[in-house]
Amino acid sequence: MNIVEINKDVKLSEHFTLGELCKTSYHTLDGNIPSRVAIENLRNICENWLEDLRYSQNTLYGDKNEDIPITISSGFRSEEVNRLCGGAKGSNHLTGCAVDIRCYGPEQMIRMAGILLDIADGTKREFDELILEKRGSTYWVHFAVRPKDNRRKILFDCS
């Protein structure tokens, strides 16, 4: 099978690249290549949510001499990658509508979730899912925005 290459250096917004939102540790035949629609969905999350999250986090908690980055542990997932990582069937990751944001403990996870809720309320933008998750000692915020039919579903999954 010939894997199509995409330019992973393409900027989706000022601080986020396509490569960053498509990276995976799974080596698959499909190469985890998003469709044009999935790329536009990723761009929407980056431009309208992650940039605001990054700015707010730095304004509220950053040091003037230090820029706090937002680390995405999972963005777009192909069907094969989603299956291999144990993702939910029908996951928003499959369409580029979701990101998992790595957190360095429960306090940062709660702060990021609060900022995202403040952004939603302040801008009147809708989101589909905001899930605070923990597995072992790893914390992350799963955040999803669909082009339409957003549910504003908020969950805690800290098993």
C-alpha atoms as a PDB file:
ATOM      1  CA  MET A   1       0.000   0.000   0.000  1.00  0.00           C
ATOM      2  CA  ASN A   2       1.322   3.428  -0.913  1.00  0.00           C
ATOM      3  CA  ILE A   3       0.972   5.808   2.027  1.00  0.00           C
ATOM      4  CA  VAL A   4       0.041   9.356   1.124  1.00  0.00           C
ATOM      5  CA  GLU A   5       2.228  11.903   2.869  1.00  0.00           C
ATOM      6  CA  ILE A   6       0.888  15.124   4.286  1.00  0.00           C
ATOM      7  CA  ASN A   7       2.842  18.189   5.229  1.00  0.00           C
ATOM      8  CA  LYS A   8       3.005  17.824   9.002  1.00  0.00           C
ATOM      9  CA  ASP A   9       4.484  21.348   9.302  1.00  0.00           C
ATOM     10  CA  VAL A  10       1.225  22.965   8.132  1.00  0.00           C
ATOM     11  CA  LYS A  11       0.118  25.444  10.785  1.00  0.00           C
ATOM     12  CA  LEU A  12      -3.464  24.992  11.914  1.00  0.00           C
ATOM     13  CA  SER A  13      -3.157  28.119  14.049  1.00  0.00           C
ATOM     14  CA  GLU A  14      -0.385  30.263  15.484  1.00  0.00           C
ATOM     15  CA  HIS A  15       0.901  27.640  17.945  1.00  0.00           C
ATOM     16  CA  PHE A  16      -0.395  24.282  16.612  1.00  0.00           C
ATOM     17  CA  THR A  17       0.661  22.195  13.610  1.00  0.00           C
ATOM     18  CA  LEU A  18      -1.024  19.405  11.702  1.00  0.00           C
ATOM     19  CA  GLY A  19       1.784  17.028  12.647  1.00  0.00           C
ATOM     20  CA  GLU A  20       1.275  17.727  16.324  1.00  0.00           C
ATOM     21  CA  LEU A  21      -2.433  16.901  16.070  1.00  0.00           C
ATOM     22  CA  CYS A  22      -1.886  13.731  13.996  1.00  0.00           C
ATOM     23  CA  LYS A  23       1.048  12.204  15.855  1.00  0.00           C
ATOM     24  CA  THR A  24       0.685   8.666  17.100  1.00  0.00           C
ATOM     25  CA  SER A  25       2.971   5.995  18.479  1.00  0.00           C
ATOM     26  CA  TYR A  26       1.110   3.374  16.427  1.00  0.00           C
ATOM     27  CA  HIS A  27       2.697   2.504  13.095  1.00  0.00           C
ATOM     28  CA  THR A  28      -0.227   1.780  10.807  1.00  0.00           C
ATOM     29  CA  LEU A  29      -0.607   1.054   7.126  1.00  0.00           C
ATOM     30  CA  ASP A  30      -2.947   4.007   6.693  1.00  0.00           C
ATOM     31  CA  GLY A  31      -0.373   6.460   8.101  1.00  0.00           C
ATOM     32  CA  ASN A  32      -3.016   8.199  10.248  1.00  0.00           C
ATOM     33  CA  ILE A  33      -3.727  10.687   7.431  1.00  0.00           C
ATOM     34  CA  PRO A  34      -6.754  12.971   7.996  1.00  0.00           C
ATOM     35  CA  SER A  35      -9.212  13.985   5.286  1.00  0.00           C
ATOM     36  CA  ARG A  36      -9.580  17.633   4.261  1.00  0.00           C
ATOM     37  CA  VAL A  37     -12.746  17.806   6.385  1.00  0.00           C
ATOM     38  CA  ALA A  38     -10.898  16.401   9.417  1.00  0.00           C
ATOM     39  CA  ILE A  39      -8.121  18.972   8.908  1.00  0.00           C
ATOM     40  CA  GLU A  40     -10.702  21.782   8.889  1.00  0.00           C
ATOM     41  CA  ASN A  41     -12.231  20.382  12.083  1.00  0.00           C
ATOM     42  CA  LEU A  42      -8.776  20.337  13.703  1.00  0.00           C
ATOM     43  CA  ARG A  43      -8.187  23.905  12.514  1.00  0.00           C
ATOM     44  CA  ASN A  44     -11.474  24.985  14.142  1.00  0.00           C
ATOM     45  CA  ILE A  45     -10.466  23.503  17.512  1.00  0.00           C
ATOM     46  CA  CYS A  46      -7.011  25.094  17.305  1.00  0.00           C
ATOM     47  CA  GLU A  47      -8.091  28.564  16.179  1.00  0.00           C
ATOM     48  CA  ASN A  48     -11.235  28.911  18.269  1.00  0.00           C
ATOM     49  CA  TRP A  49     -10.402  26.959  21.422  1.00  0.00           C
ATOM     50  CA  LEU A  50      -6.780  25.906  21.921  1.00  0.00           C
ATOM     51  CA  GLU A  51      -5.313  29.327  21.152  1.00  0.00           C
ATOM     52  CA  ASP A  52      -7.732  30.904  23.644  1.00  0.00           C
ATOM     53  CA  LEU A  53      -6.904  28.198  26.201  1.00  0.00           C
ATOM     54  CA  ARG A  54      -3.181  28.796  25.737  1.00  0.00           C
ATOM     55  CA  TYR A  55      -3.553  32.568  26.038  1.00  0.00           C
ATOM     56  CA  SER A  56      -5.768  32.332  29.133  1.00  0.00           C
ATOM     57  CA  GLN A  57      -3.520  29.785  30.811  1.00  0.00           C
ATOM     58  CA  ASN A  58      -0.474  31.985  30.240  1.00  0.00           C
ATOM     59  CA  THR A  59      -2.277  35.137  31.361  1.00  0.00           C
ATOM     60  CA  LEU A  60      -3.607  33.563  34.547  1.00  0.00           C
ATOM     61  CA  TYR A  61      -0.781  31.232  35.557  1.00  0.00           C
ATOM     62  CA  GLY A  62       2.259  32.012  33.440  1.00  0.00           C
ATOM     63  CA  ASP A  63       5.431  33.765  34.381  1.00  0.00           C
ATOM     64  CA  LYS A  64       6.321  36.812  32.259  1.00  0.00           C
ATOM     65  CA  ASN A  65       9.550  35.050  31.299  1.00  0.00           C
ATOM     66  CA  GLU A  66       7.987  31.671  30.562  1.00  0.00           C
ATOM     67  CA  ASP A  67       5.417  30.618  27.987  1.00  0.00           C
ATOM     68  CA  ILE A  68       3.359  27.591  29.069  1.00  0.00           C
ATOM     69  CA  PRO A  69       2.608  25.383  26.048  1.00  0.00           C
ATOM     70  CA  ILE A  70      -0.478  23.231  25.574  1.00  0.00           C
ATOM     71  CA  THR A  71       0.515  19.605  24.909  1.00  0.00           C
ATOM     72  CA  ILE A  72      -1.787  17.523  22.740  1.00  0.00           C
ATOM     73  CA  SER A  73      -1.428  13.798  23.419  1.00  0.00           C
ATOM     74  CA  SER A  74      -4.019  12.776  20.820  1.00  0.00           C
ATOM     75  CA  GLY A  75      -5.840  14.612  18.051  1.00  0.00           C
ATOM     76  CA  PHE A  76      -6.930  13.014  14.796  1.00  0.00           C
ATOM     77  CA  ARG A  77      -7.090   9.209  14.783  1.00  0.00           C
ATOM     78  CA  SER A  78      -7.671   6.990  11.791  1.00  0.00           C
ATOM     79  CA  GLU A  79      -9.977   3.980  12.243  1.00  0.00           C
ATOM     80  CA  GLU A  80      -6.909   1.768  12.651  1.00  0.00           C
ATOM     81  CA  VAL A  81      -5.206   4.003  15.225  1.00  0.00           C
ATOM     82  CA  ASN A  82      -8.481   4.411  17.129  1.00  0.00           C
ATOM     83  CA  ARG A  83      -8.928   0.634  17.269  1.00  0.00           C
ATOM     84  CA  LEU A  84      -5.334   0.024  18.373  1.00  0.00           C
ATOM     85  CA  CYS A  85      -5.474   2.592  21.187  1.00  0.00           C
ATOM     86  CA  GLY A  86      -8.832   1.347  22.456  1.00  0.00           C
ATOM     87  CA  GLY A  87     -10.755   4.464  21.410  1.00  0.00           C
ATOM     88  CA  ALA A  88     -14.538   4.528  21.463  1.00  0.00           C
ATOM     89  CA  LYS A  89     -16.374   3.437  18.341  1.00  0.00           C
ATOM     90  CA  GLY A  90     -17.621   6.618  16.687  1.00  0.00           C
ATOM     91  CA  SER A  91     -15.055   8.737  18.579  1.00  0.00           C
ATOM     92  CA  ASN A  92     -14.865  12.433  17.719  1.00  0.00           C
ATOM     93  CA  HIS A  93     -11.132  11.832  17.137  1.00  0.00           C
ATOM     94  CA  LEU A  94     -12.046   9.983  13.910  1.00  0.00           C
ATOM     95  CA  THR A  95     -13.323  13.194  12.303  1.00  0.00           C
ATOM     96  CA  GLY A  96     -10.717  15.559  13.755  1.00  0.00           C
ATOM     97  CA  CYS A  97     -13.280  16.978  16.156  1.00  0.00           C
ATOM     98  CA  ALA A  98     -11.454  16.040  19.384  1.00  0.00           C
ATOM     99  CA  VAL A  99      -8.156  16.551  21.165  1.00  0.00           C
ATOM    100  CA  ASP A 100      -6.725  15.128  24.360  1.00  0.00           C
ATOM    101  CA  ILE A 101      -4.794  17.764  26.309  1.00  0.00           C
ATOM    102  CA  ARG A 102      -2.070  16.406  28.593  1.00  0.00           C
ATOM    103  CA  CYS A 103      -2.182  17.701  32.160  1.00  0.00           C
ATOM    104  CA  TYR A 104       0.468  17.480  34.854  1.00  0.00           C
ATOM    105  CA  GLY A 105      -1.836  16.562  37.697  1.00  0.00           C
ATOM    106  CA  PRO A 106      -5.431  17.018  38.822  1.00  0.00           C
ATOM    107  CA  GLU A 107      -5.102  20.732  39.574  1.00  0.00           C
ATOM    108  CA  GLN A 108      -4.013  21.589  36.023  1.00  0.00           C
ATOM    109  CA  MET A 109      -6.746  19.325  34.619  1.00  0.00           C
ATOM    110  CA  ILE A 110      -9.429  21.159  36.604  1.00  0.00           C
ATOM    111  CA  ARG A 111      -7.995  24.582  35.706  1.00  0.00           C
ATOM    112  CA  MET A 112      -7.948  23.754  31.963  1.00  0.00           C
ATOM    113  CA  ALA A 113     -11.516  22.465  32.096  1.00  0.00           C
ATOM    114  CA  GLY A 114     -12.570  25.662  33.869  1.00  0.00           C
ATOM    115  CA  ILE A 115     -10.882  27.835  31.263  1.00  0.00           C
ATOM    116  CA  LEU A 116     -12.576  25.909  28.432  1.00  0.00           C
ATOM    117  CA  LEU A 117     -15.967  26.358  30.118  1.00  0.00           C
ATOM    118  CA  ASP A 118     -15.263  30.081  30.558  1.00  0.00           C
ATOM    119  CA  ILE A 119     -14.370  30.342  26.860  1.00  0.00           C
ATOM    120  CA  ALA A 120     -17.621  28.583  25.897  1.00  0.00           C
ATOM    121  CA  ASP A 121     -19.694  30.830  28.138  1.00  0.00           C
ATOM    122  CA  GLY A 122     -17.890  34.038  27.168  1.00  0.00           C
ATOM    123  CA  THR A 123     -18.002  33.435  23.421  1.00  0.00           C
ATOM    124  CA  LYS A 124     -21.333  31.563  23.301  1.00  0.00           C
ATOM    125  CA  ARG A 125     -19.554  28.841  21.292  1.00  0.00           C
ATOM    126  CA  GLU A 126     -20.792  25.299  21.727  1.00  0.00           C
ATOM    127  CA  PHE A 127     -18.687  22.203  22.368  1.00  0.00           C
ATOM    128  CA  ASP A 128     -19.583  18.537  22.226  1.00  0.00           C
ATOM    129  CA  GLU A 129     -17.567  16.912  25.022  1.00  0.00           C
ATOM    130  CA  LEU A 130     -15.422  18.006  27.943  1.00  0.00           C
ATOM    131  CA  ILE A 131     -14.179  14.918  29.773  1.00  0.00           C
ATOM    132  CA  LEU A 132     -11.685  14.998  32.629  1.00  0.00           C
ATOM    133  CA  GLU A 133      -9.777  11.716  32.454  1.00  0.00           C
ATOM    134  CA  LYS A 134      -7.178   9.855  34.495  1.00  0.00           C
ATOM    135  CA  ARG A 135      -5.534   6.465  34.015  1.00  0.00           C
ATOM    136  CA  GLY A 136      -2.891   5.542  36.567  1.00  0.00           C
ATOM    137  CA  SER A 137      -0.831   8.673  37.083  1.00  0.00           C
ATOM    138  CA  THR A 138      -1.726  10.201  33.680  1.00  0.00           C
ATOM    139  CA  TYR A 139      -4.221  13.071  33.504  1.00  0.00           C
ATOM    140  CA  TRP A 140      -5.790  14.676  30.455  1.00  0.00           C
ATOM    141  CA  VAL A 141      -8.772  16.694  29.249  1.00  0.00           C
ATOM    142  CA  HIS A 142     -10.646  15.251  26.280  1.00  0.00           C
ATOM    143  CA  PHE A 143     -12.251  18.155  24.422  1.00  0.00           C
ATOM    144  CA  ALA A 144     -14.452  17.862  21.334  1.00  0.00           C
ATOM    145  CA  VAL A 145     -16.208  20.346  19.060  1.00  0.00           C
ATOM    146  CA  ARG A 146     -18.393  19.192  16.171  1.00  0.00           C
ATOM    147  CA  PRO A 147     -19.443  21.374  13.224  1.00  0.00           C
ATOM    148  CA  LYS A 148     -23.071  20.964  14.458  1.00  0.00           C
ATOM    149  CA  ASP A 149     -25.202  19.066  16.969  1.00  0.00           C
ATOM    150  CA  ASN A 150     -22.896  19.721  19.928  1.00  0.00           C
ATOM    151  CA  ARG A 151     -24.163  18.240  23.206  1.00  0.00           C
ATOM    152  CA  ARG A 152     -22.131  20.115  25.869  1.00  0.00           C
ATOM    153  CA  LYS A 153     -21.478  16.782  27.571  1.00  0.00           C
ATOM    154  CA  ILE A 154     -19.310  17.096  30.693  1.00  0.00           C
ATOM    155  CA  LEU A 155     -17.972  13.939  32.360  1.00  0.00           C
ATOM    156  CA  PHE A 156     -15.376  12.747  34.839  1.00  0.00           C
ATOM    157  CA  ASP A 157     -13.635   9.456  33.968  1.00  0.00           C
ATOM    158  CA  CYS A 158     -10.968   9.077  36.595  1.00  0.00           C
ATOM    159  CA  SER A 159     -10.753   5.337  37.131  1.00  0.00           C
END
